[in-house]
Amino acid sequence: MTNILSYRGVLPTIDSSAFVAHTAIISGDVKIGKNSGIWYGCVLRGDVTKIVVGENTNIQDNCVLHGTRPHHAQNKTGAEGAPVLVGDHVTIGHNAIIHACIIEDYAFVGMGSVIMDLARVEKYGMLAAGAVLTPGKIVKSGQIWAGNPAKYFRDMTQAEKDYIKISADNYAELAREYKTAR
């Protein structure tokens, strides 16, 4: 596949059950887990440090994921730089920019959001559509953050927490359908 690219001799590792759209670009040190979907127009660039995407996770159309080098001004993590780590059962909405951060299991990132260096969205945390999570900020478990810059908005309802799993499951099924249609 011409959209799966080696960088400095390192090829992405993509589980055979994952769906990668033909217009997505995956390069370098990138690992994509079981039943995950990388949708049209996405760029996952594992050139300066690694990107890990867990299982049953969906990265929707036109998202960009990239880490940062160790000497980057915002980075205080040491020699490896700041990778992008995305957990299991995560939904990342269309047009999000995910840079050098951690998104834990069952988190939800709204469409058009930006997550910057060393920020974190904890398990069952939600970043609202269009929000900008600035460097080092943490969306705690069960919270919704919104705005630019993103700030605590309110606690999630149980229905919203349930929706995160429903969203991830729906996108995993859609990815399976696309994969089998090839």
Protein backbone atom coordinates (compact mmCIF):
# COMPACT_ATOMS: atom_id res chain seq x y z
CA MET A 1 0.00 0.00 0.00
CA THR A 2 1.51 3.33 -0.98
CA ASN A 3 -0.12 5.15 1.93
CA ILE A 4 1.82 3.07 4.50
CA LEU A 5 5.32 4.54 4.52
CA SER A 6 8.66 3.66 6.04
CA TYR A 7 10.62 6.37 7.81
CA ARG A 8 14.31 5.72 8.53
CA GLY A 9 13.69 2.03 7.97
CA VAL A 10 10.74 1.81 10.39
CA LEU A 11 7.39 0.69 8.99
CA PRO A 12 4.07 1.14 10.80
CA THR A 13 2.64 -1.93 12.56
CA ILE A 14 -1.04 -2.25 11.74
CA ASP A 15 -3.18 -5.09 13.07
CA SER A 16 -4.72 -7.12 10.26
CA SER A 17 -8.23 -6.39 11.58
CA ALA A 18 -7.77 -2.60 11.48
CA PHE A 19 -9.15 -0.47 8.65
CA VAL A 20 -6.94 2.21 7.10
CA ALA A 21 -8.61 4.30 4.39
CA HIS A 22 -6.68 4.48 1.14
CA THR A 23 -6.28 8.27 1.48
CA ALA A 24 -4.86 8.12 5.01
CA ILE A 25 -1.08 8.41 5.38
CA ILE A 26 0.63 6.32 8.06
CA SER A 27 4.40 6.71 8.33
CA GLY A 28 7.21 5.58 10.61
CA ASP A 29 6.88 4.36 14.19
CA VAL A 30 3.11 3.93 14.35
CA LYS A 31 1.22 1.01 15.91
CA ILE A 32 -2.50 0.53 15.27
CA GLY A 33 -4.46 -1.99 17.35
CA LYS A 34 -7.21 -4.50 16.62
CA ASN A 35 -10.49 -3.36 15.07
CA SER A 36 -9.46 0.29 14.92
CA GLY A 37 -10.30 2.60 12.03
CA ILE A 38 -8.13 5.30 10.50
CA TRP A 39 -10.44 7.22 8.18
CA TYR A 40 -10.07 9.22 4.99
CA GLY A 41 -7.50 12.00 4.90
CA CYS A 42 -5.88 11.21 8.25
CA VAL A 43 -2.14 11.66 8.74
CA LEU A 44 -0.32 9.70 11.46
CA ARG A 45 3.32 10.71 11.24
CA GLY A 46 5.61 8.67 13.49
CA ASP A 47 8.83 10.32 12.43
CA VAL A 48 10.17 12.15 15.49
CA THR A 49 8.66 9.78 18.06
CA LYS A 50 6.10 6.97 18.25
CA ILE A 51 2.35 6.96 17.86
CA VAL A 52 0.31 4.17 19.46
CA VAL A 53 -3.40 3.69 18.73
CA GLY A 54 -5.18 1.09 20.85
CA GLU A 55 -7.94 -1.37 20.02
CA ASN A 56 -11.47 -0.50 18.87
CA THR A 57 -10.47 3.13 18.42
CA ASN A 58 -11.63 5.39 15.62
CA ILE A 59 -9.71 8.33 14.23
CA GLN A 60 -12.16 10.06 11.94
CA ASP A 61 -11.61 11.85 8.65
CA ASN A 62 -8.84 14.46 8.28
CA CYS A 63 -7.25 14.08 11.72
CA VAL A 64 -3.53 14.73 12.21
CA LEU A 65 -1.46 12.90 14.86
CA HIS A 66 2.19 13.78 15.49
CA GLY A 67 4.62 13.73 18.42
CA THR A 68 7.46 16.06 19.30
CA ARG A 69 11.24 15.83 19.51
CA PRO A 70 13.05 15.75 22.85
CA HIS A 71 14.39 19.29 22.45
CA HIS A 72 10.99 20.88 21.74
CA ALA A 73 10.35 23.82 24.06
CA GLN A 74 7.17 22.31 25.56
CA ASN A 75 8.73 18.90 26.14
CA LYS A 76 10.09 17.96 29.53
CA THR A 77 9.81 14.20 29.16
CA GLY A 78 13.39 13.26 28.39
CA ALA A 79 15.31 11.68 25.55
CA GLU A 80 12.42 10.00 23.74
CA GLY A 81 10.38 13.12 23.12
CA ALA A 82 6.64 13.21 23.66
CA PRO A 83 4.76 10.50 21.77
CA VAL A 84 1.07 10.28 20.94
CA LEU A 85 -0.59 7.53 22.97
CA VAL A 86 -4.24 6.78 22.23
CA GLY A 87 -6.00 4.11 24.28
CA ASP A 88 -8.70 1.55 23.55
CA HIS A 89 -12.32 2.42 22.64
CA VAL A 90 -11.48 6.06 21.89
CA THR A 91 -13.36 8.29 19.47
CA ILE A 92 -11.45 11.16 17.86
CA GLY A 93 -13.82 13.31 15.79
CA HIS A 94 -13.27 14.65 12.28
CA ASN A 95 -10.53 17.27 11.75
CA ALA A 96 -8.93 16.96 15.20
CA ILE A 97 -5.24 17.73 15.70
CA ILE A 98 -3.56 15.48 18.25
CA HIS A 99 0.00 16.54 19.14
CA ALA A 100 2.39 14.90 21.61
CA CYS A 101 -0.30 13.96 24.13
CA ILE A 102 -2.08 11.07 25.84
CA ILE A 103 -5.69 10.06 25.30
CA GLU A 104 -6.72 7.28 27.67
CA ASP A 105 -9.21 4.41 27.15
CA TYR A 106 -12.86 5.37 26.54
CA ALA A 107 -12.06 9.05 25.98
CA PHE A 108 -13.91 11.21 23.45
CA VAL A 109 -12.36 14.04 21.43
CA GLY A 110 -14.87 16.22 19.58
CA MET A 111 -14.69 17.32 15.96
CA GLY A 112 -12.21 20.06 15.18
CA SER A 113 -10.52 19.86 18.57
CA VAL A 114 -6.82 20.46 19.19
CA ILE A 115 -4.84 18.70 21.91
CA MET A 116 -1.38 20.14 22.45
CA ASP A 117 1.91 18.90 23.90
CA LEU A 118 1.86 16.92 27.15
CA ALA A 119 -1.88 17.35 27.63
CA ARG A 120 -4.01 14.38 28.64
CA VAL A 121 -7.61 13.25 28.34
CA GLU A 122 -8.24 10.68 31.05
CA LYS A 123 -10.48 7.60 30.86
CA TYR A 124 -14.09 8.67 30.19
CA GLY A 125 -12.98 12.27 29.69
CA MET A 126 -14.54 14.36 26.92
CA LEU A 127 -13.15 17.31 24.98
CA ALA A 128 -15.95 19.21 23.26
CA ALA A 129 -16.01 19.97 19.54
CA GLY A 130 -13.73 22.86 18.58
CA ALA A 131 -11.96 22.96 21.95
CA VAL A 132 -8.23 23.70 22.26
CA LEU A 133 -6.57 21.81 25.13
CA THR A 134 -3.38 23.76 25.79
CA PRO A 135 -0.03 22.22 26.77
CA GLY A 136 0.02 20.22 29.99
CA LYS A 137 -3.71 20.49 30.77
CA ILE A 138 -5.59 17.40 31.97
CA VAL A 139 -9.22 16.53 31.31
CA LYS A 140 -10.03 14.42 34.36
CA SER A 141 -12.08 11.24 34.20
CA GLY A 142 -15.79 11.99 33.93
CA GLN A 143 -15.33 15.65 32.97
CA ILE A 144 -16.23 17.64 29.85
CA TRP A 145 -13.93 20.49 28.85
CA ALA A 146 -14.85 23.05 26.20
CA GLY A 147 -13.69 26.33 24.66
CA ASN A 148 -10.49 27.97 23.45
CA PRO A 149 -8.54 27.62 25.61
CA ALA A 150 -10.40 24.58 26.92
CA LYS A 151 -11.66 24.78 30.50
CA TYR A 152 -13.73 22.56 32.75
CA PHE A 153 -17.35 22.77 31.60
CA ARG A 154 -19.19 20.17 33.70
CA ASP A 155 -19.23 16.54 34.79
CA MET A 156 -20.50 13.94 32.34
CA THR A 157 -23.82 12.19 32.77
CA GLN A 158 -23.97 8.40 32.77
CA ALA A 159 -25.70 8.55 29.37
CA GLU A 160 -22.73 10.51 27.96
CA LYS A 161 -20.28 7.96 29.37
CA ASP A 162 -22.35 5.16 27.83
CA TYR A 163 -22.33 7.00 24.49
CA ILE A 164 -18.53 6.87 24.35
CA LYS A 165 -18.60 3.06 24.22
CA ILE A 166 -21.51 3.08 21.76
CA SER A 167 -19.60 5.47 19.47
CA ALA A 168 -16.45 3.36 19.56
CA ASP A 169 -18.41 0.15 18.93
CA ASN A 170 -20.35 1.71 16.04
CA TYR A 171 -17.17 2.92 14.37
CA ALA A 172 -15.47 -0.45 14.90
CA GLU A 173 -18.39 -2.10 13.11
CA LEU A 174 -18.23 0.47 10.30
CA ALA A 175 -14.49 -0.19 9.95
CA ARG A 176 -15.19 -3.95 9.67
CA GLU A 177 -17.78 -3.27 6.97
CA TYR A 178 -15.36 -1.11 4.98
CA LYS A 179 -12.57 -3.65 5.40
CA THR A 180 -14.68 -6.56 4.14
CA ALA A 181 -16.01 -4.49 1.21
CA ARG A 182 -12.51 -4.20 -0.30
